[in-house]
Amino acid sequence: MKIALVGYGKMGRIIDEIASSKGHEIVARLSETPTAENLNNPDVVIEFSQPEAAFINIKNCLELQIPVVCGTTGWLARKAEVESIAEANTTAFLYGSNFSLGVNLFFALNEKLAKLMRPFDEYKVQLKEIHHTHKKDAPSGSAISLAEGIIAHDARYNAWKLEETKGAELGIFAIREDEVPGTHKVYYRSDVDEIEISHTAFSRNGFAQGAVIAAEWIIGKKGNFTMKDVLFS
């Protein structure tokens, strides 16, 4: 494939290395806004930029009918707009809050546990995420995905909220520490015990590998997708 990388920070460089090792050609490495001129006619765009830049980056690429795989978090208030743009331009968009195979298995495990815990009101659930100090958004996109997975299967909760919560809000605690690639924990606590599931990333390589797999998968597709479609369909 010919791949354009939009957002060329740490993740972009790792994706570059992995994609190149698999025989793909990187035709653009952009830190600026993508255009028809600087994208160099790619088969697919992989977008890992900043929350404030993501929407216009994705919009420009989709309007050029180039499929986009996006891993930028913190911009999702405009996700519905992006999905409409993808449909209007008969191309494909895939958003992943986390592209790691392990994390996506963890998402599925989280939903399964939420279903199992639903009848047991004595257990209250909270989430914790830990990331490096350079991460700008909080909570993480993966923590939001975990919270949404619980809310979908437990009628006691109808929204998530950062830090301590009451009533029907699901609490997410966000911690920032030096050079932590990403740790996510889900706790079910009662007065007598606690159930915990967790996922810990050791490096960014798992995220990058998943993003390249998603880019390979999306070629020839039309519509809006997630990593569930890539891994489990």
Protein backbone atom coordinates (compact mmCIF):
# COMPACT_ATOMS: atom_id res chain seq x y z
CA MET A 1 0.00 0.00 0.00
CA LYS A 2 0.86 3.65 -0.26
CA ILE A 3 0.35 5.18 3.20
CA ALA A 4 0.26 8.84 4.23
CA LEU A 5 1.03 9.50 7.88
CA VAL A 6 -0.79 12.57 9.20
CA GLY A 7 0.72 13.54 12.54
CA TYR A 8 4.37 12.56 12.72
CA GLY A 9 5.18 12.37 16.40
CA LYS A 10 6.28 9.33 18.41
CA MET A 11 3.39 7.17 17.22
CA GLY A 12 3.84 8.26 13.60
CA ARG A 13 7.49 7.24 13.67
CA ILE A 14 6.74 3.82 15.11
CA ILE A 15 3.97 3.28 12.53
CA ASP A 16 6.44 4.35 9.81
CA GLU A 17 8.94 1.71 10.95
CA ILE A 18 6.38 -1.10 11.23
CA ALA A 19 4.59 -0.31 7.95
CA SER A 20 7.88 -0.06 6.07
CA SER A 21 9.04 -3.39 7.53
CA LYS A 22 5.89 -4.98 6.06
CA GLY A 23 6.68 -3.66 2.58
CA HIS A 24 4.33 -0.67 2.51
CA GLU A 25 5.44 2.66 1.03
CA ILE A 26 5.17 5.82 3.13
CA VAL A 27 4.38 8.54 0.60
CA ALA A 28 3.84 11.42 3.08
CA ARG A 29 4.94 12.22 6.62
CA LEU A 30 2.95 15.30 7.63
CA SER A 31 2.97 17.50 10.69
CA GLU A 32 0.92 20.10 8.81
CA THR A 33 -2.68 20.03 7.52
CA PRO A 34 -3.11 17.46 4.72
CA THR A 35 -4.01 18.66 1.22
CA ALA A 36 -4.27 17.08 -2.23
CA GLU A 37 -0.76 18.37 -2.94
CA ASN A 38 1.13 17.14 0.12
CA LEU A 39 -0.61 13.77 0.60
CA ASN A 40 0.94 12.40 -2.60
CA ASN A 41 -1.99 10.21 -3.65
CA PRO A 42 -1.98 7.53 -0.94
CA ASP A 43 -4.19 4.45 -0.74
CA VAL A 44 -4.93 5.19 2.91
CA VAL A 45 -4.19 7.79 5.59
CA ILE A 46 -3.22 6.91 9.16
CA GLU A 47 -3.98 9.90 11.39
CA PHE A 48 -2.33 10.29 14.82
CA SER A 49 -2.16 14.03 15.46
CA GLN A 50 -3.54 16.31 18.20
CA PRO A 51 -7.17 16.75 19.36
CA GLU A 52 -7.41 20.29 18.00
CA ALA A 53 -6.15 19.26 14.54
CA ALA A 54 -7.89 15.91 14.07
CA PHE A 55 -11.24 17.02 12.65
CA ILE A 56 -9.87 19.16 9.82
CA ASN A 57 -7.17 16.57 9.04
CA ILE A 58 -9.75 13.78 8.71
CA LYS A 59 -12.27 15.97 6.84
CA ASN A 60 -9.71 17.01 4.22
CA CYS A 61 -8.68 13.41 3.54
CA LEU A 62 -12.22 12.02 3.36
CA GLU A 63 -13.30 14.79 0.98
CA LEU A 64 -10.47 13.61 -1.28
CA GLN A 65 -12.06 10.14 -1.04
CA ILE A 66 -9.05 8.71 0.78
CA PRO A 67 -9.91 6.20 3.54
CA VAL A 68 -8.73 7.24 7.01
CA VAL A 69 -7.65 5.23 10.04
CA CYS A 70 -7.64 7.56 13.04
CA GLY A 71 -6.16 7.01 16.49
CA THR A 72 -6.29 10.59 17.79
CA THR A 73 -8.44 10.96 20.92
CA GLY A 74 -10.03 14.01 22.54
CA TRP A 75 -12.02 15.27 19.52
CA LEU A 76 -15.03 12.92 19.51
CA ALA A 77 -17.70 15.62 19.88
CA ARG A 78 -17.39 15.91 16.08
CA LYS A 79 -17.16 12.20 15.26
CA ALA A 80 -20.74 12.09 13.90
CA GLU A 81 -19.81 14.85 11.43
CA VAL A 82 -16.82 12.88 10.23
CA GLU A 83 -18.92 9.76 9.74
CA SER A 84 -21.39 11.75 7.64
CA ILE A 85 -18.52 13.11 5.52
CA ALA A 86 -17.21 9.57 4.94
CA GLU A 87 -20.64 8.41 3.77
CA ALA A 88 -21.19 11.48 1.57
CA ASN A 89 -17.86 10.87 -0.18
CA THR A 90 -18.36 7.08 -0.50
CA THR A 91 -15.12 6.32 1.30
CA ALA A 92 -14.20 4.68 4.62
CA PHE A 93 -13.38 5.91 8.12
CA LEU A 94 -12.16 3.82 11.03
CA TYR A 95 -11.72 5.28 14.50
CA GLY A 96 -9.97 3.41 17.27
CA SER A 97 -9.49 4.71 20.79
CA ASN A 98 -6.81 2.02 20.96
CA PHE A 99 -5.52 -0.24 18.18
CA SER A 100 -3.75 -2.79 20.38
CA LEU A 101 -4.99 -6.38 19.98
CA GLY A 102 -4.73 -6.85 23.74
CA VAL A 103 -6.76 -3.74 24.52
CA ASN A 104 -9.51 -4.73 22.09
CA LEU A 105 -9.71 -8.16 23.73
CA PHE A 106 -9.84 -6.28 27.04
CA PHE A 107 -12.77 -4.19 25.73
CA ALA A 108 -14.64 -7.42 24.93
CA LEU A 109 -13.80 -8.87 28.38
CA ASN A 110 -15.00 -5.65 30.02
CA GLU A 111 -18.41 -5.92 28.31
CA LYS A 112 -18.71 -9.59 29.25
CA LEU A 113 -17.94 -8.78 32.91
CA ALA A 114 -20.46 -5.90 32.88
CA LYS A 115 -23.17 -8.33 31.79
CA LEU A 116 -22.18 -10.79 34.54
CA MET A 117 -22.18 -8.10 37.24
CA ARG A 118 -25.48 -6.49 36.23
CA PRO A 119 -27.68 -8.38 38.78
CA PHE A 120 -25.38 -7.61 41.74
CA ASP A 121 -26.21 -4.12 43.00
CA GLU A 122 -23.86 -4.45 45.98
CA TYR A 123 -20.89 -4.00 43.58
CA LYS A 124 -20.11 -0.46 42.42
CA VAL A 125 -17.82 0.03 39.44
CA GLN A 126 -15.06 2.60 38.81
CA LEU A 127 -12.29 2.95 36.25
CA LYS A 128 -8.69 4.14 36.44
CA GLU A 129 -6.32 5.01 33.61
CA ILE A 130 -2.62 5.89 33.83
CA HIS A 131 -0.69 7.48 30.97
CA HIS A 132 2.49 9.47 30.29
CA THR A 133 2.56 13.14 31.21
CA HIS A 134 2.62 14.19 27.51
CA LYS A 135 -0.93 12.94 26.93
CA LYS A 136 -3.15 16.01 26.54
CA ASP A 137 -6.66 14.57 26.91
CA ALA A 138 -8.18 13.04 30.04
CA PRO A 139 -9.73 10.61 30.44
CA SER A 140 -8.13 8.54 27.71
CA GLY A 141 -10.12 7.42 24.71
CA SER A 142 -9.68 3.81 25.85
CA ALA A 143 -11.10 4.64 29.29
CA ILE A 144 -14.11 6.26 27.62
CA SER A 145 -14.57 3.14 25.47
CA LEU A 146 -14.46 0.99 28.62
CA ALA A 147 -17.01 3.24 30.33
CA GLU A 148 -19.32 3.14 27.31
CA GLY A 149 -19.05 -0.65 27.26
CA ILE A 150 -20.20 -0.81 30.88
CA ILE A 151 -23.00 1.74 30.40
CA ALA A 152 -24.34 -0.26 27.45
CA HIS A 153 -24.83 -3.32 29.66
CA ASP A 154 -25.62 -1.90 33.12
CA ALA A 155 -28.77 0.21 33.51
CA ARG A 156 -27.49 1.68 36.80
CA TYR A 157 -25.21 3.99 34.83
CA ASN A 158 -26.16 6.49 32.13
CA ALA A 159 -22.99 8.62 31.82
CA TRP A 160 -19.33 8.78 32.80
CA LYS A 161 -17.58 11.57 34.69
CA LEU A 162 -13.96 12.39 35.47
CA GLU A 163 -13.04 11.82 39.13
CA GLU A 164 -15.50 11.09 41.97
CA THR A 165 -19.15 10.63 41.07
CA LYS A 166 -22.55 10.01 42.59
CA GLY A 167 -25.68 8.21 41.48
CA ALA A 168 -25.88 7.12 37.85
CA GLU A 169 -22.49 8.53 36.76
CA LEU A 170 -19.58 6.16 36.24
CA GLY A 171 -16.33 7.50 37.70
CA ILE A 172 -13.06 7.55 35.74
CA PHE A 173 -9.82 8.48 37.51
CA ALA A 174 -7.04 9.76 35.21
CA ILE A 175 -3.43 9.71 36.44
CA ARG A 176 -0.41 11.07 34.58
CA GLU A 177 3.08 9.65 35.27
CA ASP A 178 6.38 9.83 33.40
CA GLU A 179 6.67 7.55 30.36
CA VAL A 180 3.73 5.21 31.04
CA PRO A 181 2.44 3.91 27.66
CA GLY A 182 -0.99 3.08 29.08
CA THR A 183 -2.62 1.19 31.94
CA HIS A 184 -6.39 0.68 32.34
CA LYS A 185 -8.18 -0.86 35.32
CA VAL A 186 -11.84 -1.64 36.00
CA TYR A 187 -12.88 -2.23 39.63
CA TYR A 188 -16.08 -3.75 41.02
CA ARG A 189 -16.13 -3.07 44.78
CA SER A 190 -18.51 -4.22 47.50
CA ASP A 191 -18.28 -3.92 51.28
CA VAL A 192 -16.58 -7.31 51.47
CA ASP A 193 -14.42 -7.71 48.37
CA GLU A 194 -13.21 -6.34 45.05
CA ILE A 195 -13.02 -7.70 41.50
CA GLU A 196 -10.45 -6.08 39.18
CA ILE A 197 -9.51 -6.51 35.53
CA SER A 198 -6.62 -4.57 34.01
CA HIS A 199 -4.54 -4.11 30.88
CA THR A 200 -0.99 -2.75 30.89
CA ALA A 201 0.87 -1.74 27.73
CA PHE A 202 4.65 -2.13 27.81
CA SER A 203 5.32 0.02 24.72
CA ARG A 204 3.56 1.86 21.89
CA ASN A 205 4.41 -0.89 19.40
CA GLY A 206 1.13 -2.75 19.96
CA PHE A 207 -0.85 0.38 19.10
CA ALA A 208 1.19 0.94 15.93
CA GLN A 209 0.93 -2.66 14.75
CA GLY A 210 -2.85 -2.55 15.14
CA ALA A 211 -3.09 0.71 13.21
CA VAL A 212 -1.20 -0.81 10.27
CA ILE A 213 -3.44 -3.91 10.35
CA ALA A 214 -6.49 -1.61 10.32
CA ALA A 215 -5.08 0.30 7.34
CA GLU A 216 -4.53 -2.96 5.44
CA TRP A 217 -8.10 -4.07 6.26
CA ILE A 218 -9.89 -0.85 5.27
CA ILE A 219 -8.74 -0.83 1.64
CA GLY A 220 -11.77 -1.28 -0.64
CA LYS A 221 -14.29 -0.74 2.19
CA LYS A 222 -17.03 1.92 2.29
CA GLY A 223 -18.57 3.24 5.50
CA ASN A 224 -17.64 3.71 9.15
CA PHE A 225 -15.85 1.07 11.18
CA THR A 226 -14.12 0.23 14.46
CA MET A 227 -11.46 -2.26 15.53
CA LYS A 228 -14.29 -4.69 16.35
CA ASP A 229 -14.90 -4.93 12.61
CA VAL A 230 -11.21 -5.57 11.92
CA LEU A 231 -10.66 -8.19 14.63
CA PHE A 232 -13.98 -9.91 15.20
CA SER A 233 -16.07 -9.68 12.02
